[in-house]
Amino acid sequence: MQQLRKRDLKPAIRFQGDKTPNYVGALNLLRESFPEARFIYMKCTGRDAAASIIAQKMRLLQAKTRRPYDTRIGRSDLESFVRKWLEATLLARDFDRTWPNRMITLH
């Protein structure tokens, strides 16, 4: 966060973006740090988000092992993913309800 604050953003820059879903947990901190900011939340369906996570895991395994993709994913991996996806979705929903003029949700 400090890196974002220290970044020399010129006044002419109107948009700053990052599609990392991890920022949903920091929406209130971002709102406080950047009072004029507006946020765009790109909401994925659970199916699309799961496919993305599985593809990422496969790429990481292939890079690490230099073997073909291993598509196996354990039950605990899936349960953990579902919990994180649901938590992020609820955090974004709650932020939008609290600050309705600060966020646009795209489906």
PDB file of N, CA and C in Angstrom:
ATOM      1  N   MET A   1       0.821  -1.174   0.000  1.00  0.00           N
ATOM      2  CA  MET A   1       0.000   0.000   0.000  1.00  0.00           C
ATOM      3  C   MET A   1       0.873   1.248   0.000  1.00  0.00           C
ATOM      4  N   GLN A   2       1.937   1.223   0.781  1.00  0.00           N
ATOM      5  CA  GLN A   2       2.828   2.384   0.827  1.00  0.00           C
ATOM      6  C   GLN A   2       3.446   2.645  -0.531  1.00  0.00           C
ATOM      7  N   GLN A   3       3.718   1.581  -1.276  1.00  0.00           N
ATOM      8  CA  GLN A   3       4.266   1.769  -2.624  1.00  0.00           C
ATOM      9  C   GLN A   3       3.273   2.510  -3.504  1.00  0.00           C
ATOM     10  N   LEU A   4       1.993   2.201  -3.355  1.00  0.00           N
ATOM     11  CA  LEU A   4       0.984   2.906  -4.145  1.00  0.00           C
ATOM     12  C   LEU A   4       0.931   4.375  -3.765  1.00  0.00           C
ATOM     13  N   ARG A   5       1.020   4.673  -2.464  1.00  0.00           N
ATOM     14  CA  ARG A   5       0.964   6.057  -2.014  1.00  0.00           C
ATOM     15  C   ARG A   5       2.188   6.837  -2.472  1.00  0.00           C
ATOM     16  N   LYS A   6       3.340   6.175  -2.464  1.00  0.00           N
ATOM     17  CA  LYS A   6       4.586   6.848  -2.825  1.00  0.00           C
ATOM     18  C   LYS A   6       4.740   7.026  -4.329  1.00  0.00           C
ATOM     19  N   ARG A   7       4.001   6.233  -5.091  1.00  0.00           N
ATOM     20  CA  ARG A   7       4.121   6.286  -6.543  1.00  0.00           C
ATOM     21  C   ARG A   7       3.825   7.701  -7.032  1.00  0.00           C
ATOM     22  N   ASP A   8       4.648   8.179  -7.923  1.00  0.00           N
ATOM     23  CA  ASP A   8       4.484   9.528  -8.452  1.00  0.00           C
ATOM     24  C   ASP A   8       3.431   9.505  -9.555  1.00  0.00           C
ATOM     25  N   LEU A   9       2.159   9.600  -9.143  1.00  0.00           N
ATOM     26  CA  LEU A   9       1.088   9.619 -10.123  1.00  0.00           C
ATOM     27  C   LEU A   9       0.852  11.051 -10.568  1.00  0.00           C
ATOM     28  N   LYS A  10       1.008  11.280 -11.831  1.00  0.00           N
ATOM     29  CA  LYS A  10       0.805  12.619 -12.379  1.00  0.00           C
ATOM     30  C   LYS A  10      -0.679  12.974 -12.328  1.00  0.00           C
ATOM     31  N   PRO A  11      -1.005  14.248 -12.134  1.00  0.00           N
ATOM     32  CA  PRO A  11      -2.420  14.638 -12.080  1.00  0.00           C
ATOM     33  C   PRO A  11      -3.201  14.262 -13.331  1.00  0.00           C
ATOM     34  N   ALA A  12      -2.541  14.156 -14.465  1.00  0.00           N
ATOM     35  CA  ALA A  12      -3.228  13.829 -15.719  1.00  0.00           C
ATOM     36  C   ALA A  12      -3.686  12.366 -15.752  1.00  0.00           C
ATOM     37  N   ILE A  13      -3.121  11.531 -14.898  1.00  0.00           N
ATOM     38  CA  ILE A  13      -3.504  10.116 -14.882  1.00  0.00           C
ATOM     39  C   ILE A  13      -4.847   9.981 -14.177  1.00  0.00           C
ATOM     40  N   ARG A  14      -5.826   9.477 -14.918  1.00  0.00           N
ATOM     41  CA  ARG A  14      -7.161   9.358 -14.360  1.00  0.00           C
ATOM     42  C   ARG A  14      -7.502   7.940 -13.960  1.00  0.00           C
ATOM     43  N   PHE A  15      -6.771   6.950 -14.489  1.00  0.00           N
ATOM     44  CA  PHE A  15      -7.104   5.564 -14.220  1.00  0.00           C
ATOM     45  C   PHE A  15      -5.864   4.805 -13.778  1.00  0.00           C
ATOM     46  N   GLN A  16      -6.031   3.980 -12.792  1.00  0.00           N
ATOM     47  CA  GLN A  16      -4.982   3.078 -12.334  1.00  0.00           C
ATOM     48  C   GLN A  16      -5.667   1.739 -12.131  1.00  0.00           C
ATOM     49  N   GLY A  17      -5.124   0.681 -12.682  1.00  0.00           N
ATOM     50  CA  GLY A  17      -5.827  -0.585 -12.592  1.00  0.00           C
ATOM     51  C   GLY A  17      -4.952  -1.760 -12.220  1.00  0.00           C
ATOM     52  N   ASP A  18      -5.604  -2.740 -11.661  1.00  0.00           N
ATOM     53  CA  ASP A  18      -4.981  -4.015 -11.352  1.00  0.00           C
ATOM     54  C   ASP A  18      -6.110  -5.014 -11.167  1.00  0.00           C
ATOM     55  N   LYS A  19      -6.037  -6.143 -11.842  1.00  0.00           N
ATOM     56  CA  LYS A  19      -7.146  -7.093 -11.771  1.00  0.00           C
ATOM     57  C   LYS A  19      -6.963  -8.165 -10.701  1.00  0.00           C
ATOM     58  N   THR A  20      -6.011  -7.991  -9.819  1.00  0.00           N
ATOM     59  CA  THR A  20      -5.778  -8.953  -8.750  1.00  0.00           C
ATOM     60  C   THR A  20      -6.971  -9.001  -7.804  1.00  0.00           C
ATOM     61  N   PRO A  21      -7.603 -10.152  -7.639  1.00  0.00           N
ATOM     62  CA  PRO A  21      -8.771 -10.214  -6.763  1.00  0.00           C
ATOM     63  C   PRO A  21      -8.440 -10.021  -5.287  1.00  0.00           C
ATOM     64  N   ASN A  22      -7.186 -10.132  -4.930  1.00  0.00           N
ATOM     65  CA  ASN A  22      -6.811  -9.990  -3.518  1.00  0.00           C
ATOM     66  C   ASN A  22      -7.091  -8.593  -2.976  1.00  0.00           C
ATOM     67  N   TYR A  23      -7.220  -7.603  -3.832  1.00  0.00           N
ATOM     68  CA  TYR A  23      -7.466  -6.239  -3.368  1.00  0.00           C
ATOM     69  C   TYR A  23      -8.855  -6.053  -2.783  1.00  0.00           C
ATOM     70  N   VAL A  24      -9.760  -6.981  -3.025  1.00  0.00           N
ATOM     71  CA  VAL A  24     -11.112  -6.821  -2.500  1.00  0.00           C
ATOM     72  C   VAL A  24     -11.092  -6.742  -0.977  1.00  0.00           C
ATOM     73  N   GLY A  25     -10.147  -7.409  -0.358  1.00  0.00           N
ATOM     74  CA  GLY A  25     -10.021  -7.354   1.099  1.00  0.00           C
ATOM     75  C   GLY A  25      -9.469  -6.038   1.604  1.00  0.00           C
ATOM     76  N   ALA A  26      -8.941  -5.221   0.710  1.00  0.00           N
ATOM     77  CA  ALA A  26      -8.341  -3.942   1.094  1.00  0.00           C
ATOM     78  C   ALA A  26      -9.152  -2.756   0.579  1.00  0.00           C
ATOM     79  N   LEU A  27     -10.390  -2.984   0.179  1.00  0.00           N
ATOM     80  CA  LEU A  27     -11.180  -1.894  -0.408  1.00  0.00           C
ATOM     81  C   LEU A  27     -11.325  -0.699   0.534  1.00  0.00           C
ATOM     82  N   ASN A  28     -11.549  -0.945   1.818  1.00  0.00           N
ATOM     83  CA  ASN A  28     -11.700   0.182   2.740  1.00  0.00           C
ATOM     84  C   ASN A  28     -10.389   0.945   2.907  1.00  0.00           C
ATOM     85  N   LEU A  29      -9.288   0.234   2.964  1.00  0.00           N
ATOM     86  CA  LEU A  29      -7.982   0.892   3.054  1.00  0.00           C
ATOM     87  C   LEU A  29      -7.711   1.695   1.780  1.00  0.00           C
ATOM     88  N   LEU A  30      -8.019   1.124   0.630  1.00  0.00           N
ATOM     89  CA  LEU A  30      -7.845   1.847  -0.634  1.00  0.00           C
ATOM     90  C   LEU A  30      -8.747   3.080  -0.685  1.00  0.00           C
ATOM     91  N   ARG A  31      -9.976   2.943  -0.222  1.00  0.00           N
ATOM     92  CA  ARG A  31     -10.912   4.071  -0.204  1.00  0.00           C
ATOM     93  C   ARG A  31     -10.380   5.200   0.691  1.00  0.00           C
ATOM     94  N   GLU A  32      -9.832   4.831   1.856  1.00  0.00           N
ATOM     95  CA  GLU A  32      -9.273   5.843   2.760  1.00  0.00           C
ATOM     96  C   GLU A  32      -8.001   6.469   2.193  1.00  0.00           C
ATOM     97  N   SER A  33      -7.184   5.669   1.542  1.00  0.00           N
ATOM     98  CA  SER A  33      -5.911   6.157   0.993  1.00  0.00           C
ATOM     99  C   SER A  33      -6.102   7.013  -0.250  1.00  0.00           C
ATOM    100  N   PHE A  34      -7.153   6.719  -1.006  1.00  0.00           N
ATOM    101  CA  PHE A  34      -7.425   7.439  -2.251  1.00  0.00           C
ATOM    102  C   PHE A  34      -8.884   7.909  -2.219  1.00  0.00           C
ATOM    103  N   PRO A  35      -9.148   9.013  -1.511  1.00  0.00           N
ATOM    104  CA  PRO A  35     -10.528   9.450  -1.275  1.00  0.00           C
ATOM    105  C   PRO A  35     -11.355   9.721  -2.532  1.00  0.00           C
ATOM    106  N   GLU A  36     -10.724  10.053  -3.617  1.00  0.00           N
ATOM    107  CA  GLU A  36     -11.472  10.343  -4.846  1.00  0.00           C
ATOM    108  C   GLU A  36     -11.628   9.107  -5.743  1.00  0.00           C
ATOM    109  N   ALA A  37     -11.044   8.010  -5.342  1.00  0.00           N
ATOM    110  CA  ALA A  37     -11.026   6.806  -6.186  1.00  0.00           C
ATOM    111  C   ALA A  37     -12.410   6.190  -6.333  1.00  0.00           C
ATOM    112  N   ARG A  38     -12.628   5.602  -7.487  1.00  0.00           N
ATOM    113  CA  ARG A  38     -13.804   4.793  -7.772  1.00  0.00           C
ATOM    114  C   ARG A  38     -13.276   3.418  -8.159  1.00  0.00           C
ATOM    115  N   PHE A  39     -14.020   2.396  -7.848  1.00  0.00           N
ATOM    116  CA  PHE A  39     -13.540   1.035  -8.048  1.00  0.00           C
ATOM    117  C   PHE A  39     -14.441   0.281  -9.015  1.00  0.00           C
ATOM    118  N   ILE A  40     -13.830  -0.587  -9.796  1.00  0.00           N
ATOM    119  CA  ILE A  40     -14.558  -1.484 -10.679  1.00  0.00           C
ATOM    120  C   ILE A  40     -14.274  -2.892 -10.186  1.00  0.00           C
ATOM    121  N   TYR A  41     -15.320  -3.600  -9.821  1.00  0.00           N
ATOM    122  CA  TYR A  41     -15.191  -4.976  -9.344  1.00  0.00           C
ATOM    123  C   TYR A  41     -15.650  -5.897 -10.463  1.00  0.00           C
ATOM    124  N   MET A  42     -14.738  -6.725 -10.936  1.00  0.00           N
ATOM    125  CA  MET A  42     -15.048  -7.663 -12.011  1.00  0.00           C
ATOM    126  C   MET A  42     -15.395  -9.009 -11.366  1.00  0.00           C
ATOM    127  N   LYS A  43     -16.687  -9.256 -11.226  1.00  0.00           N
ATOM    128  CA  LYS A  43     -17.171 -10.441 -10.524  1.00  0.00           C
ATOM    129  C   LYS A  43     -17.209 -11.631 -11.474  1.00  0.00           C
ATOM    130  N   CYS A  44     -16.502 -12.661 -11.112  1.00  0.00           N
ATOM    131  CA  CYS A  44     -16.501 -13.906 -11.894  1.00  0.00           C
ATOM    132  C   CYS A  44     -17.499 -14.872 -11.286  1.00  0.00           C
ATOM    133  N   THR A  45     -18.054 -15.729 -12.109  1.00  0.00           N
ATOM    134  CA  THR A  45     -18.877 -16.806 -11.560  1.00  0.00           C
ATOM    135  C   THR A  45     -17.923 -17.761 -10.851  1.00  0.00           C
ATOM    136  N   GLY A  46     -18.445 -18.542  -9.951  1.00  0.00           N
ATOM    137  CA  GLY A  46     -17.613 -19.527  -9.255  1.00  0.00           C
ATOM    138  C   GLY A  46     -16.945 -20.488 -10.217  1.00  0.00           C
ATOM    139  N   ARG A  47     -17.672 -20.863 -11.266  1.00  0.00           N
ATOM    140  CA  ARG A  47     -17.132 -21.792 -12.269  1.00  0.00           C
ATOM    141  C   ARG A  47     -15.930 -21.185 -12.992  1.00  0.00           C
ATOM    142  N   ASP A  48     -16.067 -19.922 -13.422  1.00  0.00           N
ATOM    143  CA  ASP A  48     -14.958 -19.267 -14.127  1.00  0.00           C
ATOM    144  C   ASP A  48     -13.757 -19.069 -13.210  1.00  0.00           C
ATOM    145  N   ALA A  49     -14.026 -18.684 -11.972  1.00  0.00           N
ATOM    146  CA  ALA A  49     -12.933 -18.482 -11.020  1.00  0.00           C
ATOM    147  C   ALA A  49     -12.213 -19.801 -10.734  1.00  0.00           C
ATOM    148  N   ALA A  50     -12.977 -20.887 -10.591  1.00  0.00           N
ATOM    149  CA  ALA A  50     -12.366 -22.200 -10.343  1.00  0.00           C
ATOM    150  C   ALA A  50     -11.518 -22.636 -11.536  1.00  0.00           C
ATOM    151  N   ALA A  51     -12.014 -22.427 -12.732  1.00  0.00           N
ATOM    152  CA  ALA A  51     -11.245 -22.782 -13.935  1.00  0.00           C
ATOM    153  C   ALA A  51      -9.943 -21.998 -13.984  1.00  0.00           C
ATOM    154  N   SER A  52      -9.982 -20.736 -13.601  1.00  0.00           N
ATOM    155  CA  SER A  52      -8.783 -19.907 -13.591  1.00  0.00           C
ATOM    156  C   SER A  52      -7.765 -20.426 -12.581  1.00  0.00           C
ATOM    157  N   ILE A  53      -8.229 -20.785 -11.393  1.00  0.00           N
ATOM    158  CA  ILE A  53      -7.334 -21.298 -10.348  1.00  0.00           C
ATOM    159  C   ILE A  53      -6.706 -22.618 -10.776  1.00  0.00           C
ATOM    160  N   ILE A  54      -7.508 -23.491 -11.360  1.00  0.00           N
ATOM    161  CA  ILE A  54      -6.977 -24.790 -11.809  1.00  0.00           C
ATOM    162  C   ILE A  54      -5.934 -24.580 -12.904  1.00  0.00           C
ATOM    163  N   ALA A  55      -6.206 -23.681 -13.847  1.00  0.00           N
ATOM    164  CA  ALA A  55      -5.232 -23.401 -14.912  1.00  0.00           C
ATOM    165  C   ALA A  55      -3.946 -22.827 -14.333  1.00  0.00           C
ATOM    166  N   GLN A  56      -4.082 -21.953 -13.356  1.00  0.00           N
ATOM    167  CA  GLN A  56      -2.892 -21.381 -12.714  1.00  0.00           C
ATOM    168  C   GLN A  56      -2.085 -22.473 -12.013  1.00  0.00           C
ATOM    169  N   LYS A  57      -2.768 -23.361 -11.299  1.00  0.00           N
ATOM    170  CA  LYS A  57      -2.078 -24.465 -10.617  1.00  0.00           C
ATOM    171  C   LYS A  57      -1.351 -25.346 -11.624  1.00  0.00           C
ATOM    172  N   MET A  58      -1.997 -25.620 -12.752  1.00  0.00           N
ATOM    173  CA  MET A  58      -1.372 -26.458 -13.767  1.00  0.00           C
ATOM    174  C   MET A  58      -0.119 -25.797 -14.333  1.00  0.00           C
ATOM    175  N   ARG A  59      -0.176 -24.489 -14.585  1.00  0.00           N
ATOM    176  CA  ARG A  59       0.999 -23.775 -15.113  1.00  0.00           C
ATOM    177  C   ARG A  59       2.142 -23.808 -14.097  1.00  0.00           C
ATOM    178  N   LEU A  60       1.812 -23.593 -12.826  1.00  0.00           N
ATOM    179  CA  LEU A  60       2.850 -23.604 -11.793  1.00  0.00           C
ATOM    180  C   LEU A  60       3.484 -24.981 -11.647  1.00  0.00           C
ATOM    181  N   LEU A  61       2.657 -26.023 -11.680  1.00  0.00           N
ATOM    182  CA  LEU A  61       3.192 -27.382 -11.572  1.00  0.00           C
ATOM    183  C   LEU A  61       4.081 -27.724 -12.756  1.00  0.00           C
ATOM    184  N   GLN A  62       3.662 -27.326 -13.948  1.00  0.00           N
ATOM    185  CA  GLN A  62       4.466 -27.624 -15.124  1.00  0.00           C
ATOM    186  C   GLN A  62       5.806 -26.885 -15.052  1.00  0.00           C
ATOM    187  N   ALA A  63       5.781 -25.644 -14.624  1.00  0.00           N
ATOM    188  CA  ALA A  63       7.024 -24.873 -14.517  1.00  0.00           C
ATOM    189  C   ALA A  63       7.943 -25.469 -13.455  1.00  0.00           C
ATOM    190  N   LYS A  64       7.363 -25.950 -12.384  1.00  0.00           N
ATOM    191  CA  LYS A  64       8.147 -26.493 -11.274  1.00  0.00           C
ATOM    192  C   LYS A  64       8.707 -27.879 -11.593  1.00  0.00           C
ATOM    193  N   THR A  65       7.908 -28.727 -12.207  1.00  0.00           N
ATOM    194  CA  THR A  65       8.303 -30.118 -12.418  1.00  0.00           C
ATOM    195  C   THR A  65       8.799 -30.408 -13.828  1.00  0.00           C
ATOM    196  N   ARG A  66       8.527 -29.478 -14.754  1.00  0.00           N
ATOM    197  CA  ARG A  66       8.883 -29.664 -16.169  1.00  0.00           C
ATOM    198  C   ARG A  66       8.205 -30.881 -16.761  1.00  0.00           C
ATOM    199  N   ARG A  67       7.064 -31.254 -16.190  1.00  0.00           N
ATOM    200  CA  ARG A  67       6.281 -32.381 -16.695  1.00  0.00           C
ATOM    201  C   ARG A  67       4.960 -31.860 -17.239  1.00  0.00           C
ATOM    202  N   PRO A  68       4.256 -32.691 -17.978  1.00  0.00           N
ATOM    203  CA  PRO A  68       2.943 -32.263 -18.476  1.00  0.00           C
ATOM    204  C   PRO A  68       2.016 -31.898 -17.321  1.00  0.00           C
ATOM    205  N   TYR A  69       0.987 -31.195 -17.658  1.00  0.00           N
ATOM    206  CA  TYR A  69       0.040 -30.720 -16.655  1.00  0.00           C
ATOM    207  C   TYR A  69      -0.498 -31.839 -15.779  1.00  0.00           C
ATOM    208  N   ASP A  70      -0.633 -31.544 -14.510  1.00  0.00           N
ATOM    209  CA  ASP A  70      -1.279 -32.435 -13.555  1.00  0.00           C
ATOM    210  C   ASP A  70      -2.583 -31.733 -13.172  1.00  0.00           C
ATOM    211  N   THR A  71      -3.695 -32.261 -13.611  1.00  0.00           N
ATOM    212  CA  THR A  71      -4.968 -31.568 -13.402  1.00  0.00           C
ATOM    213  C   THR A  71      -5.645 -31.975 -12.103  1.00  0.00           C
ATOM    214  N   ARG A  72      -5.018 -32.804 -11.307  1.00  0.00           N
ATOM    215  CA  ARG A  72      -5.654 -33.217 -10.064  1.00  0.00           C
ATOM    216  C   ARG A  72      -5.710 -32.053  -9.084  1.00  0.00           C
ATOM    217  N   ILE A  73      -6.831 -31.939  -8.444  1.00  0.00           N
ATOM    218  CA  ILE A  73      -6.982 -30.927  -7.401  1.00  0.00           C
ATOM    219  C   ILE A  73      -7.711 -31.612  -6.254  1.00  0.00           C
ATOM    220  N   GLY A  74      -7.168 -31.473  -5.065  1.00  0.00           N
ATOM    221  CA  GLY A  74      -7.727 -32.164  -3.910  1.00  0.00           C
ATOM    222  C   GLY A  74      -8.972 -31.488  -3.367  1.00  0.00           C
ATOM    223  N   ARG A  75      -9.722 -32.251  -2.583  1.00  0.00           N
ATOM    224  CA  ARG A  75     -10.949 -31.725  -1.978  1.00  0.00           C
ATOM    225  C   ARG A  75     -10.653 -30.515  -1.102  1.00  0.00           C
ATOM    226  N   SER A  76      -9.569 -30.563  -0.325  1.00  0.00           N
ATOM    227  CA  SER A  76      -9.243 -29.429   0.548  1.00  0.00           C
ATOM    228  C   SER A  76      -8.889 -28.191  -0.280  1.00  0.00           C
ATOM    229  N   ASP A  77      -8.234 -28.378  -1.446  1.00  0.00           N
ATOM    230  CA  ASP A  77      -7.941 -27.249  -2.335  1.00  0.00           C
ATOM    231  C   ASP A  77      -9.238 -26.604  -2.808  1.00  0.00           C
ATOM    232  N   LEU A  78     -10.178 -27.428  -3.204  1.00  0.00           N
ATOM    233  CA  LEU A  78     -11.446 -26.929  -3.721  1.00  0.00           C
ATOM    234  C   LEU A  78     -12.245 -26.220  -2.627  1.00  0.00           C
ATOM    235  N   GLU A  79     -12.300 -26.819  -1.439  1.00  0.00           N
ATOM    236  CA  GLU A  79     -13.028 -26.191  -0.338  1.00  0.00           C
ATOM    237  C   GLU A  79     -12.406 -24.850   0.047  1.00  0.00           C
ATOM    238  N   SER A  80     -11.094 -24.796   0.070  1.00  0.00           N
ATOM    239  CA  SER A  80     -10.389 -23.556   0.386  1.00  0.00           C
ATOM    240  C   SER A  80     -10.692 -22.492  -0.666  1.00  0.00           C
ATOM    241  N   PHE A  81     -10.655 -22.891  -1.926  1.00  0.00           N
ATOM    242  CA  PHE A  81     -10.952 -21.953  -3.006  1.00  0.00           C
ATOM    243  C   PHE A  81     -12.373 -21.408  -2.892  1.00  0.00           C
ATOM    244  N   VAL A  82     -13.345 -22.285  -2.659  1.00  0.00           N
ATOM    245  CA  VAL A  82     -14.744 -21.865  -2.561  1.00  0.00           C
ATOM    246  C   VAL A  82     -14.916 -20.873  -1.415  1.00  0.00           C
ATOM    247  N   ARG A  83     -14.282 -21.147  -0.272  1.00  0.00           N
ATOM    248  CA  ARG A  83     -14.365 -20.218   0.859  1.00  0.00           C
ATOM    249  C   ARG A  83     -13.797 -18.855   0.496  1.00  0.00           C
ATOM    250  N   LYS A  84     -12.636 -18.830  -0.167  1.00  0.00           N
ATOM    251  CA  LYS A  84     -12.005 -17.560  -0.547  1.00  0.00           C
ATOM    252  C   LYS A  84     -12.839 -16.808  -1.576  1.00  0.00           C
ATOM    253  N   TRP A  85     -13.379 -17.518  -2.557  1.00  0.00           N
ATOM    254  CA  TRP A  85     -14.202 -16.876  -3.579  1.00  0.00           C
ATOM    255  C   TRP A  85     -15.452 -16.275  -2.955  1.00  0.00           C
ATOM    256  N   LEU A  86     -16.112 -17.040  -2.073  1.00  0.00           N
ATOM    257  CA  LEU A  86     -17.325 -16.544  -1.428  1.00  0.00           C
ATOM    258  C   LEU A  86     -17.010 -15.339  -0.537  1.00  0.00           C
ATOM    259  N   GLU A  87     -15.923 -15.410   0.207  1.00  0.00           N
ATOM    260  CA  GLU A  87     -15.531 -14.291   1.068  1.00  0.00           C
ATOM    261  C   GLU A  87     -15.284 -13.028   0.240  1.00  0.00           C
ATOM    262  N   ALA A  88     -14.572 -13.155  -0.868  1.00  0.00           N
ATOM    263  CA  ALA A  88     -14.290 -11.997  -1.720  1.00  0.00           C
ATOM    264  C   ALA A  88     -15.581 -11.432  -2.310  1.00  0.00           C
ATOM    265  N   THR A  89     -16.473 -12.308  -2.736  1.00  0.00           N
ATOM    266  CA  THR A  89     -17.743 -11.869  -3.302  1.00  0.00           C
ATOM    267  C   THR A  89     -18.567 -11.113  -2.268  1.00  0.00           C
ATOM    268  N   LEU A  90     -18.608 -11.626  -1.040  1.00  0.00           N
ATOM    269  CA  LEU A  90     -19.372 -10.964   0.019  1.00  0.00           C
ATOM    270  C   LEU A  90     -18.734  -9.645   0.446  1.00  0.00           C
ATOM    271  N   LEU A  91     -17.407  -9.602   0.491  1.00  0.00           N
ATOM    272  CA  LEU A  91     -16.727  -8.349   0.829  1.00  0.00           C
ATOM    273  C   LEU A  91     -17.038  -7.259  -0.193  1.00  0.00           C
ATOM    274  N   ALA A  92     -17.000  -7.621  -1.465  1.00  0.00           N
ATOM    275  CA  ALA A  92     -17.305  -6.649  -2.519  1.00  0.00           C
ATOM    276  C   ALA A  92     -18.757  -6.200  -2.435  1.00  0.00           C
ATOM    277  N   ARG A  93     -19.651  -7.144  -2.196  1.00  0.00           N
ATOM    278  CA  ARG A  93     -21.074  -6.790  -2.060  1.00  0.00           C
ATOM    279  C   ARG A  93     -21.299  -5.828  -0.891  1.00  0.00           C
ATOM    280  N   ASP A  94     -20.677  -6.131   0.248  1.00  0.00           N
ATOM    281  CA  ASP A  94     -20.840  -5.281   1.426  1.00  0.00           C
ATOM    282  C   ASP A  94     -20.252  -3.889   1.204  1.00  0.00           C
ATOM    283  N   PHE A  95     -19.100  -3.817   0.549  1.00  0.00           N
ATOM    284  CA  PHE A  95     -18.492  -2.524   0.247  1.00  0.00           C
ATOM    285  C   PHE A  95     -19.422  -1.714  -0.648  1.00  0.00           C
ATOM    286  N   ASP A  96     -19.973  -2.354  -1.657  1.00  0.00           N
ATOM    287  CA  ASP A  96     -20.863  -1.666  -2.591  1.00  0.00           C
ATOM    288  C   ASP A  96     -22.127  -1.166  -1.891  1.00  0.00           C
ATOM    289  N   ARG A  97     -22.640  -1.938  -0.956  1.00  0.00           N
ATOM    290  CA  ARG A  97     -23.829  -1.498  -0.204  1.00  0.00           C
ATOM    291  C   ARG A  97     -23.501  -0.326   0.717  1.00  0.00           C
ATOM    292  N   THR A  98     -22.310  -0.333   1.301  1.00  0.00           N
ATOM    293  CA  THR A  98     -21.916   0.733   2.211  1.00  0.00           C
ATOM    294  C   THR A  98     -21.529   2.001   1.461  1.00  0.00           C
ATOM    295  N   TRP A  99     -20.860   1.841   0.336  1.00  0.00           N
ATOM    296  CA  TRP A  99     -20.363   2.968  -0.471  1.00  0.00           C
ATOM    297  C   TRP A  99     -20.891   2.833  -1.891  1.00  0.00           C
ATOM    298  N   PRO A 100     -22.197   3.014  -2.111  1.00  0.00           N
ATOM    299  CA  PRO A 100     -22.799   2.717  -3.423  1.00  0.00           C
ATOM    300  C   PRO A 100     -22.281   3.559  -4.582  1.00  0.00           C
ATOM    301  N   ASN A 101     -21.749   4.722  -4.317  1.00  0.00           N
ATOM    302  CA  ASN A 101     -21.250   5.570  -5.412  1.00  0.00           C
ATOM    303  C   ASN A 101     -19.761   5.380  -5.672  1.00  0.00           C
ATOM    304  N   ARG A 102     -19.159   4.422  -4.996  1.00  0.00           N
ATOM    305  CA  ARG A 102     -17.710   4.239  -5.122  1.00  0.00           C
ATOM    306  C   ARG A 102     -17.312   3.033  -5.974  1.00  0.00           C
ATOM    307  N   MET A 103     -18.281   2.141  -6.274  1.00  0.00           N
ATOM    308  CA  MET A 103     -17.910   0.925  -6.987  1.00  0.00           C
ATOM    309  C   MET A 103     -18.953   0.556  -8.030  1.00  0.00           C
ATOM    310  N   ILE A 104     -18.443   0.065  -9.148  1.00  0.00           N
ATOM    311  CA  ILE A 104     -19.276  -0.491 -10.207  1.00  0.00           C
ATOM    312  C   ILE A 104     -18.926  -1.980 -10.269  1.00  0.00           C
ATOM    313  N   THR A 105     -19.927  -2.818 -10.303  1.00  0.00           N
ATOM    314  CA  THR A 105     -19.690  -4.255 -10.405  1.00  0.00           C
ATOM    315  C   THR A 105     -20.025  -4.717 -11.808  1.00  0.00           C
ATOM    316  N   LEU A 106     -19.053  -5.367 -12.429  1.00  0.00           N
ATOM    317  CA  LEU A 106     -19.241  -5.942 -13.766  1.00  0.00           C
ATOM    318  C   LEU A 106     -19.362  -7.458 -13.615  1.00  0.00           C
ATOM    319  N   HIS A 107     -20.322  -8.036 -14.293  1.00  0.00           N
ATOM    320  CA  HIS A 107     -20.530  -9.496 -14.222  1.00  0.00           C
ATOM    321  C   HIS A 107     -20.028 -10.142 -15.478  1.00  0.00           C
TER     322      HIS A 107
END
